[in-house]
C-alpha cells in the first residue's frame, strides 16, 4: 500500500469515528454503531494490530455500544482496544480507554474492579496531563463513585470529588461530569 493510500484510509477511519461520535451525541444509536463498525473495519484492514488507529476505532465502537444498551460487548471492545495500545505508545489514549472501562464496570456494578482500573487511569492522567486537567478530574470523579458504591468511606473520597469540582469550575466547564460530582457530593 502506498503512503497516499495509507493516509487516505487513516483519514477514512478518523472520519467514521467522528461521525459515530456525532451520531451518538444526537441520539442516533444505530447509525453511530454502524459508523464505528465501518471505522473499525478500515482500521483493521490498514492499521494492523497494535496501532493507535485500531484502538481509536475500537473505542468509538465501545462508546456507541452502551447507548444501545449492550454493556457486555462494550467491555470486551474496550479490553481489545487496551490490548492494541499501551501506555508508552499513546499514554493519553491508554488512560482514556482505562477511564471508559472503569465507567462500564461501574455501570455493571463491578465497583471493586472499577476502582483498580480507575486508580490506574487517574495515575496515568495525573502523570501525563497534570492534576488540574479536566480529564484527570473526570477520572478522579469516577474513582470516587466506585469507592462510594462500595460503601468505602476513605478520607480521600470527598477530596476526590472536591478537587474534581474545583478543576471543572476554575475552567468554567459545566459538563455531565460536573453534574455528577455535584450529585455525589450531595449524597455524601
Protein backbone atom coordinates (compact mmCIF):
# COMPACT_ATOMS: atom_id res chain seq x y z
CA UNK A 1 0.00 0.00 0.00
CA UNK A 2 1.42 3.36 -0.95
CA UNK A 3 1.81 6.14 1.59
CA UNK A 4 -1.07 8.05 -0.02
CA UNK A 5 -3.47 5.12 0.25
CA UNK A 6 -2.43 4.52 3.85
CA UNK A 7 -3.03 8.18 4.69
CA UNK A 8 -6.39 8.13 2.89
CA UNK A 9 -7.54 5.07 4.80
CA UNK A 10 -6.39 6.62 8.08
CA UNK A 11 -8.47 9.69 7.28
CA UNK A 12 -11.46 7.47 6.46
CA UNK A 13 -11.09 5.77 9.83
CA UNK A 14 -10.98 9.08 11.67
CA UNK A 15 -13.93 10.45 9.69
CA UNK A 16 -16.03 7.41 10.58
CA UNK A 17 -15.02 7.76 14.25
CA UNK A 18 -16.05 11.42 14.19
CA UNK A 19 -19.34 10.56 12.51
CA UNK A 20 -20.00 7.82 15.05
CA UNK A 21 -19.40 10.26 17.90
CA UNK A 22 -21.68 12.87 16.36
CA UNK A 23 -24.43 10.32 15.73
CA UNK A 24 -24.18 9.11 19.33
CA UNK A 25 -24.44 12.64 20.64
CA UNK A 26 -27.51 13.24 18.50
CA UNK A 27 -29.18 10.09 19.80
CA UNK A 28 -28.85 8.08 16.58
CA UNK A 29 -27.59 4.91 18.24
CA UNK A 30 -27.82 2.54 15.28
CA UNK A 31 -26.12 4.98 12.91
CA UNK A 32 -23.40 5.60 15.50
CA UNK A 33 -22.73 1.90 15.86
CA UNK A 34 -22.72 1.37 12.08
CA UNK A 35 -20.25 4.23 11.54
CA UNK A 36 -17.99 2.91 14.31
CA UNK A 37 -18.10 -0.58 12.82
CA UNK A 38 -17.08 0.83 9.41
CA UNK A 39 -14.20 2.72 11.04
CA UNK A 40 -13.09 -0.45 12.78
CA UNK A 41 -13.21 -2.42 9.53
CA UNK A 42 -10.99 0.16 7.81
CA UNK A 43 -8.63 0.32 10.79
CA UNK A 44 -8.27 -3.47 10.90
CA UNK A 45 -7.51 -3.55 7.19
CA UNK A 46 -4.99 -0.75 7.13
CA UNK A 47 -3.69 -0.03 10.63
CA UNK A 48 -2.94 -3.59 11.69
CA UNK A 49 -2.63 -4.74 15.29
CA UNK A 50 -1.08 -2.63 18.00
CA UNK A 51 -1.70 0.73 16.37
CA UNK A 52 -3.48 3.76 17.74
CA UNK A 53 -5.90 3.91 14.78
CA UNK A 54 -7.22 0.48 15.67
CA UNK A 55 -7.59 1.43 19.34
CA UNK A 56 -9.38 4.68 18.42
CA UNK A 57 -11.83 2.82 16.18
CA UNK A 58 -12.44 0.20 18.88
CA UNK A 59 -13.06 2.97 21.42
CA UNK A 60 -15.61 4.62 19.11
CA UNK A 61 -17.44 1.32 18.78
CA UNK A 62 -17.32 0.71 22.53
CA UNK A 63 -18.71 4.17 23.25
CA UNK A 64 -21.55 3.59 20.77
CA UNK A 65 -22.40 0.21 22.29
CA UNK A 66 -23.59 1.35 25.75
CA UNK A 67 -26.02 3.74 24.07
CA UNK A 68 -27.70 0.70 22.57
CA UNK A 69 -27.76 -0.96 25.99
CA UNK A 70 -25.06 -3.52 25.18
CA UNK A 71 -22.67 -3.08 28.10
CA UNK A 72 -21.21 -6.58 27.77
CA UNK A 73 -19.87 -6.02 24.23
CA UNK A 74 -18.66 -2.56 25.25
CA UNK A 75 -16.43 -4.03 27.94
CA UNK A 76 -14.93 -6.58 25.56
CA UNK A 77 -14.35 -3.94 22.90
CA UNK A 78 -12.61 -1.64 25.40
CA UNK A 79 -10.39 -4.50 26.60
CA UNK A 80 -9.46 -5.25 22.97
CA UNK A 81 -8.62 -1.57 22.44
CA UNK A 82 -6.45 -1.57 25.58
CA UNK A 83 -4.57 -4.58 24.23
CA UNK A 84 -3.96 -2.69 20.96
CA UNK A 85 -2.24 0.31 22.56
CA UNK A 86 -0.03 0.59 25.61
CA UNK A 87 0.80 3.41 27.98
CA UNK A 88 4.20 4.04 26.38
CA UNK A 89 2.91 4.20 22.79
CA UNK A 90 -0.04 6.54 23.43
CA UNK A 91 -0.48 7.39 27.12
CA UNK A 92 -3.43 9.74 26.62
CA UNK A 93 -5.43 7.19 24.62
CA UNK A 94 -4.45 4.42 27.06
CA UNK A 95 -5.73 6.49 30.01
CA UNK A 96 -8.95 7.35 28.16
CA UNK A 97 -9.58 3.65 27.50
CA UNK A 98 -8.96 2.81 31.17
CA UNK A 99 -11.36 5.59 32.18
CA UNK A 100 -14.03 4.31 29.77
CA UNK A 101 -13.59 0.74 31.02
CA UNK A 102 -13.88 1.91 34.62
CA UNK A 103 -17.15 3.64 33.72
CA UNK A 104 -18.53 0.45 32.15
CA UNK A 105 -17.50 -1.55 35.22
CA UNK A 106 -19.33 0.92 37.49
CA UNK A 107 -22.42 0.63 35.30
CA UNK A 108 -22.31 -3.15 35.63
CA UNK A 109 -21.92 -2.93 39.45
CA UNK A 110 -18.34 -4.24 39.47
CA UNK A 111 -17.06 -1.39 41.57
CA UNK A 112 -14.03 -3.15 43.11
CA UNK A 113 -12.69 -3.93 39.64
CA UNK A 114 -13.60 -0.38 38.54
CA UNK A 115 -11.65 1.01 41.48
CA UNK A 116 -8.42 -0.69 40.35
CA UNK A 117 -8.89 0.35 36.71
CA UNK A 118 -9.77 3.93 37.63
CA UNK A 119 -6.82 4.26 40.02
CA UNK A 120 -4.63 3.30 37.07
CA UNK A 121 -6.40 5.81 34.79
CA UNK A 122 -6.10 8.57 37.40
CA UNK A 123 -2.40 7.87 37.95
CA UNK A 124 -1.74 7.88 34.19
CA UNK A 125 -3.70 11.08 33.59
CA UNK A 126 -2.11 12.83 36.56
CA UNK A 127 1.36 11.85 35.33
CA UNK A 128 0.74 12.85 31.69
CA UNK A 129 -1.79 15.71 31.92
CA UNK A 130 -1.33 17.04 35.44
CA UNK A 131 -3.63 17.12 38.45
CA UNK A 132 -5.52 20.22 37.24
CA UNK A 133 -6.66 18.85 33.85
CA UNK A 134 -10.41 18.23 33.26
CA UNK A 135 -9.78 14.66 32.10
CA UNK A 136 -7.85 13.97 35.30
CA UNK A 137 -10.80 15.42 37.23
CA UNK A 138 -13.12 13.08 35.33
CA UNK A 139 -11.07 10.04 36.37
CA UNK A 140 -10.97 11.26 39.99
CA UNK A 141 -14.75 11.69 39.99
CA UNK A 142 -15.32 8.20 38.61
CA UNK A 143 -12.91 6.71 41.15
CA UNK A 144 -14.88 8.48 43.88
CA UNK A 145 -18.08 6.94 42.53
CA UNK A 146 -16.56 3.44 42.55
CA UNK A 147 -15.44 3.91 46.16
CA UNK A 148 -18.79 5.35 47.21
CA UNK A 149 -20.68 2.48 45.55
CA UNK A 150 -18.62 0.01 47.60
CA UNK A 151 -19.62 1.87 50.76
CA UNK A 152 -15.97 2.75 51.23
CA UNK A 153 -15.52 5.99 53.04
CA UNK A 154 -11.77 6.53 52.99
CA UNK A 155 -10.59 10.02 53.85
CA UNK A 156 -9.70 10.56 50.17
CA UNK A 157 -13.29 10.14 48.94
CA UNK A 158 -14.81 13.58 49.36
CA UNK A 159 -11.45 15.10 48.41
CA UNK A 160 -11.57 13.35 45.03
CA UNK A 161 -14.91 14.97 44.27
CA UNK A 162 -14.00 18.37 45.75
CA UNK A 163 -10.77 18.51 43.72
CA UNK A 164 -12.60 17.42 40.56
CA UNK A 165 -15.25 20.08 41.13
CA UNK A 166 -12.59 22.76 41.67
CA UNK A 167 -10.83 21.89 38.40
CA UNK A 168 -14.06 21.92 36.41
CA UNK A 169 -15.27 25.17 37.95
CA UNK A 170 -11.96 27.01 37.54
CA UNK A 171 -12.12 26.18 33.84
CA UNK A 172 -15.81 27.12 33.62
CA UNK A 173 -16.78 23.64 32.47
CA UNK A 174 -20.35 22.57 33.07
CA UNK A 175 -20.43 19.02 31.80
CA UNK A 176 -22.17 15.80 32.78
CA UNK A 177 -19.11 15.12 34.95
CA UNK A 178 -19.71 18.44 36.73
CA UNK A 179 -23.33 17.47 37.44
CA UNK A 180 -22.26 14.01 38.60
CA UNK A 181 -19.71 15.47 41.02
CA UNK A 182 -22.32 17.82 42.48
CA UNK A 183 -24.78 14.93 42.88
CA UNK A 184 -22.14 12.74 44.51
CA UNK A 185 -21.17 15.47 46.97
CA UNK A 186 -24.84 15.98 47.80
CA UNK A 187 -25.26 12.27 48.51
CA UNK A 188 -22.10 12.16 50.63
